[in-house]
Amino acid sequence: MKALRREILLAFWKVHVLHHAAEGPIHGQFMLDELRRHGYDISPGTLYPLLHRMERMGWLWSTVDPYGGKRARRDYRLTEEGIQVLKVVQEQVGELYREVVLEAPAGEENVQSAE
């Protein structure tokens, strides 16, 4: 169950990153704190590769303070492509919410256990 939960939550983490990067520059520690605030248990060893992957995909771009020393903070911003990705995600999340939450049948009789 842990692997399944992690695979699904990985997509949610990406959506959070896109959302917050659209509001302004973000950095890793901010995202760790923000995701933890939402109840996600994510480590720096998971988040930083995720941010780097999103940058390689062209969704984010980053800058490093040249005067920040050896461990300078890297700020991430949304690219134009990232804005387009976020728009698609927003539409899809809205559709998913309507189907899964608003149109969900009452009760748990239709839910099968994964155990």
C-alpha atoms as a PDB file:
ATOM      1  CA  MET A   1       0.000   0.000   0.000  1.00  0.00           C
ATOM      2  CA  LYS A   2       2.900   2.398   0.711  1.00  0.00           C
ATOM      3  CA  ALA A   3       4.181   2.248  -2.889  1.00  0.00           C
ATOM      4  CA  LEU A   4       0.692   2.805  -4.291  1.00  0.00           C
ATOM      5  CA  ARG A   5       0.080   5.727  -1.965  1.00  0.00           C
ATOM      6  CA  ARG A   6       3.459   7.240  -2.874  1.00  0.00           C
ATOM      7  CA  GLU A   7       2.821   6.982  -6.635  1.00  0.00           C
ATOM      8  CA  ILE A   8      -0.542   8.742  -6.344  1.00  0.00           C
ATOM      9  CA  LEU A   9       0.732  11.358  -3.906  1.00  0.00           C
ATOM     10  CA  LEU A  10       3.706  12.145  -6.152  1.00  0.00           C
ATOM     11  CA  ALA A  11       1.269  13.671  -8.644  1.00  0.00           C
ATOM     12  CA  PHE A  12      -0.385  15.700  -5.867  1.00  0.00           C
ATOM     13  CA  TRP A  13       3.012  17.042  -4.780  1.00  0.00           C
ATOM     14  CA  LYS A  14       3.722  18.170  -8.341  1.00  0.00           C
ATOM     15  CA  VAL A  15       0.396  19.988  -8.471  1.00  0.00           C
ATOM     16  CA  HIS A  16       1.221  21.779  -5.209  1.00  0.00           C
ATOM     17  CA  VAL A  17       4.615  22.816  -6.598  1.00  0.00           C
ATOM     18  CA  LEU A  18       3.056  24.150  -9.806  1.00  0.00           C
ATOM     19  CA  HIS A  19       0.377  26.011  -7.865  1.00  0.00           C
ATOM     20  CA  HIS A  20       2.789  27.705  -5.479  1.00  0.00           C
ATOM     21  CA  ALA A  21       5.358  28.477  -8.177  1.00  0.00           C
ATOM     22  CA  ALA A  22       2.565  30.290 -10.040  1.00  0.00           C
ATOM     23  CA  GLU A  23       2.130  32.536  -6.994  1.00  0.00           C
ATOM     24  CA  GLY A  24       5.798  33.525  -6.965  1.00  0.00           C
ATOM     25  CA  PRO A  25       9.249  32.098  -6.421  1.00  0.00           C
ATOM     26  CA  ILE A  26       9.439  29.030  -4.201  1.00  0.00           C
ATOM     27  CA  HIS A  27      12.349  27.181  -2.669  1.00  0.00           C
ATOM     28  CA  GLY A  28      12.757  23.672  -1.362  1.00  0.00           C
ATOM     29  CA  GLN A  29      12.360  24.352   2.352  1.00  0.00           C
ATOM     30  CA  PHE A  30       9.191  26.349   1.720  1.00  0.00           C
ATOM     31  CA  MET A  31       7.734  23.435  -0.261  1.00  0.00           C
ATOM     32  CA  LEU A  32       8.751  20.906   2.404  1.00  0.00           C
ATOM     33  CA  ASP A  33       6.993  23.001   5.050  1.00  0.00           C
ATOM     34  CA  GLU A  34       3.948  23.591   2.830  1.00  0.00           C
ATOM     35  CA  LEU A  35       3.531  19.929   1.920  1.00  0.00           C
ATOM     36  CA  ARG A  36       3.953  18.879   5.547  1.00  0.00           C
ATOM     37  CA  ARG A  37       1.326  21.464   6.516  1.00  0.00           C
ATOM     38  CA  HIS A  38      -1.051  19.577   4.228  1.00  0.00           C
ATOM     39  CA  GLY A  39      -0.176  16.273   5.901  1.00  0.00           C
ATOM     40  CA  TYR A  40       2.263  14.915   3.315  1.00  0.00           C
ATOM     41  CA  ASP A  41       5.285  13.142   4.773  1.00  0.00           C
ATOM     42  CA  ILE A  42       7.951  14.035   2.223  1.00  0.00           C
ATOM     43  CA  SER A  43      11.702  14.120   2.718  1.00  0.00           C
ATOM     44  CA  PRO A  44      14.245  16.456   1.114  1.00  0.00           C
ATOM     45  CA  GLY A  45      15.622  13.388  -0.677  1.00  0.00           C
ATOM     46  CA  THR A  46      12.281  13.067  -2.445  1.00  0.00           C
ATOM     47  CA  LEU A  47      11.422  16.730  -2.974  1.00  0.00           C
ATOM     48  CA  TYR A  48      14.679  18.018  -4.436  1.00  0.00           C
ATOM     49  CA  PRO A  49      14.897  15.393  -7.200  1.00  0.00           C
ATOM     50  CA  LEU A  50      11.227  16.156  -7.943  1.00  0.00           C
ATOM     51  CA  LEU A  51      11.999  19.882  -8.332  1.00  0.00           C
ATOM     52  CA  HIS A  52      15.007  19.119 -10.541  1.00  0.00           C
ATOM     53  CA  ARG A  53      12.906  16.769 -12.695  1.00  0.00           C
ATOM     54  CA  MET A  54      10.204  19.412 -13.107  1.00  0.00           C
ATOM     55  CA  GLU A  55      12.913  21.860 -14.147  1.00  0.00           C
ATOM     56  CA  ARG A  56      14.322  19.401 -16.715  1.00  0.00           C
ATOM     57  CA  MET A  57      10.780  18.958 -18.066  1.00  0.00           C
ATOM     58  CA  GLY A  58      10.645  22.708 -18.666  1.00  0.00           C
ATOM     59  CA  TRP A  59       7.919  23.454 -16.111  1.00  0.00           C
ATOM     60  CA  LEU A  60      10.170  25.347 -13.694  1.00  0.00           C
ATOM     61  CA  TRP A  61      13.315  27.425 -13.976  1.00  0.00           C
ATOM     62  CA  SER A  62      15.607  28.243 -11.115  1.00  0.00           C
ATOM     63  CA  THR A  63      18.158  30.773  -9.990  1.00  0.00           C
ATOM     64  CA  VAL A  64      20.737  30.606  -7.238  1.00  0.00           C
ATOM     65  CA  ASP A  65      21.867  33.582  -5.204  1.00  0.00           C
ATOM     66  CA  PRO A  66      25.464  34.096  -6.390  1.00  0.00           C
ATOM     67  CA  TYR A  67      26.342  35.529  -2.976  1.00  0.00           C
ATOM     68  CA  GLY A  68      24.685  32.749  -1.006  1.00  0.00           C
ATOM     69  CA  GLY A  69      27.804  30.724  -0.372  1.00  0.00           C
ATOM     70  CA  LYS A  70      28.217  26.962  -0.567  1.00  0.00           C
ATOM     71  CA  ARG A  71      24.612  26.163   0.350  1.00  0.00           C
ATOM     72  CA  ALA A  72      22.856  29.019  -1.437  1.00  0.00           C
ATOM     73  CA  ARG A  73      19.104  28.825  -1.762  1.00  0.00           C
ATOM     74  CA  ARG A  74      17.715  27.904  -5.185  1.00  0.00           C
ATOM     75  CA  ASP A  75      14.500  29.720  -6.114  1.00  0.00           C
ATOM     76  CA  TYR A  76      12.111  28.091  -8.580  1.00  0.00           C
ATOM     77  CA  ARG A  77       9.652  29.897 -10.821  1.00  0.00           C
ATOM     78  CA  LEU A  78       7.001  28.687 -13.228  1.00  0.00           C
ATOM     79  CA  THR A  79       7.858  28.779 -16.939  1.00  0.00           C
ATOM     80  CA  GLU A  80       5.370  29.485 -19.731  1.00  0.00           C
ATOM     81  CA  GLU A  81       5.162  25.723 -20.298  1.00  0.00           C
ATOM     82  CA  GLY A  82       4.586  25.260 -16.575  1.00  0.00           C
ATOM     83  CA  ILE A  83       1.693  27.726 -16.733  1.00  0.00           C
ATOM     84  CA  GLN A  84       0.113  25.666 -19.526  1.00  0.00           C
ATOM     85  CA  VAL A  85       0.639  22.451 -17.556  1.00  0.00           C
ATOM     86  CA  LEU A  86      -0.991  24.041 -14.506  1.00  0.00           C
ATOM     87  CA  LYS A  87      -4.004  25.109 -16.577  1.00  0.00           C
ATOM     88  CA  VAL A  88      -4.505  21.547 -17.838  1.00  0.00           C
ATOM     89  CA  VAL A  89      -4.094  20.181 -14.319  1.00  0.00           C
ATOM     90  CA  GLN A  90      -6.637  22.658 -12.946  1.00  0.00           C
ATOM     91  CA  GLU A  91      -9.192  21.559 -15.537  1.00  0.00           C
ATOM     92  CA  GLN A  92      -8.528  17.885 -14.888  1.00  0.00           C
ATOM     93  CA  VAL A  93      -8.626  18.270 -11.095  1.00  0.00           C
ATOM     94  CA  GLY A  94     -11.969  20.041 -11.414  1.00  0.00           C
ATOM     95  CA  GLU A  95     -13.343  17.197 -13.527  1.00  0.00           C
ATOM     96  CA  LEU A  96     -11.930  14.590 -11.154  1.00  0.00           C
ATOM     97  CA  TYR A  97     -13.409  16.387  -8.141  1.00  0.00           C
ATOM     98  CA  ARG A  98     -16.847  16.511  -9.753  1.00  0.00           C
ATOM     99  CA  GLU A  99     -16.770  12.808 -10.566  1.00  0.00           C
ATOM    100  CA  VAL A 100     -15.033  11.388  -7.505  1.00  0.00           C
ATOM    101  CA  VAL A 101     -16.386  13.677  -4.793  1.00  0.00           C
ATOM    102  CA  LEU A 102     -19.612  15.291  -5.962  1.00  0.00           C
ATOM    103  CA  GLU A 103     -20.997  12.340  -7.913  1.00  0.00           C
ATOM    104  CA  ALA A 104     -19.650   9.621  -5.606  1.00  0.00           C
ATOM    105  CA  PRO A 105     -22.269   7.143  -4.427  1.00  0.00           C
ATOM    106  CA  ALA A 106     -23.142   7.425  -0.740  1.00  0.00           C
ATOM    107  CA  GLY A 107     -21.794   4.758   1.551  1.00  0.00           C
ATOM    108  CA  GLU A 108     -18.885   2.373   1.257  1.00  0.00           C
ATOM    109  CA  GLU A 109     -20.691  -0.614  -0.244  1.00  0.00           C
ATOM    110  CA  ASN A 110     -19.212   0.126  -3.686  1.00  0.00           C
ATOM    111  CA  VAL A 111     -15.612   0.396  -2.435  1.00  0.00           C
ATOM    112  CA  GLN A 112     -13.524  -2.757  -2.571  1.00  0.00           C
ATOM    113  CA  SER A 113     -10.652  -3.259  -0.176  1.00  0.00           C
ATOM    114  CA  ALA A 114      -7.167  -3.391  -1.681  1.00  0.00           C
ATOM    115  CA  GLU A 115      -6.081  -5.818   1.038  1.00  0.00           C
END
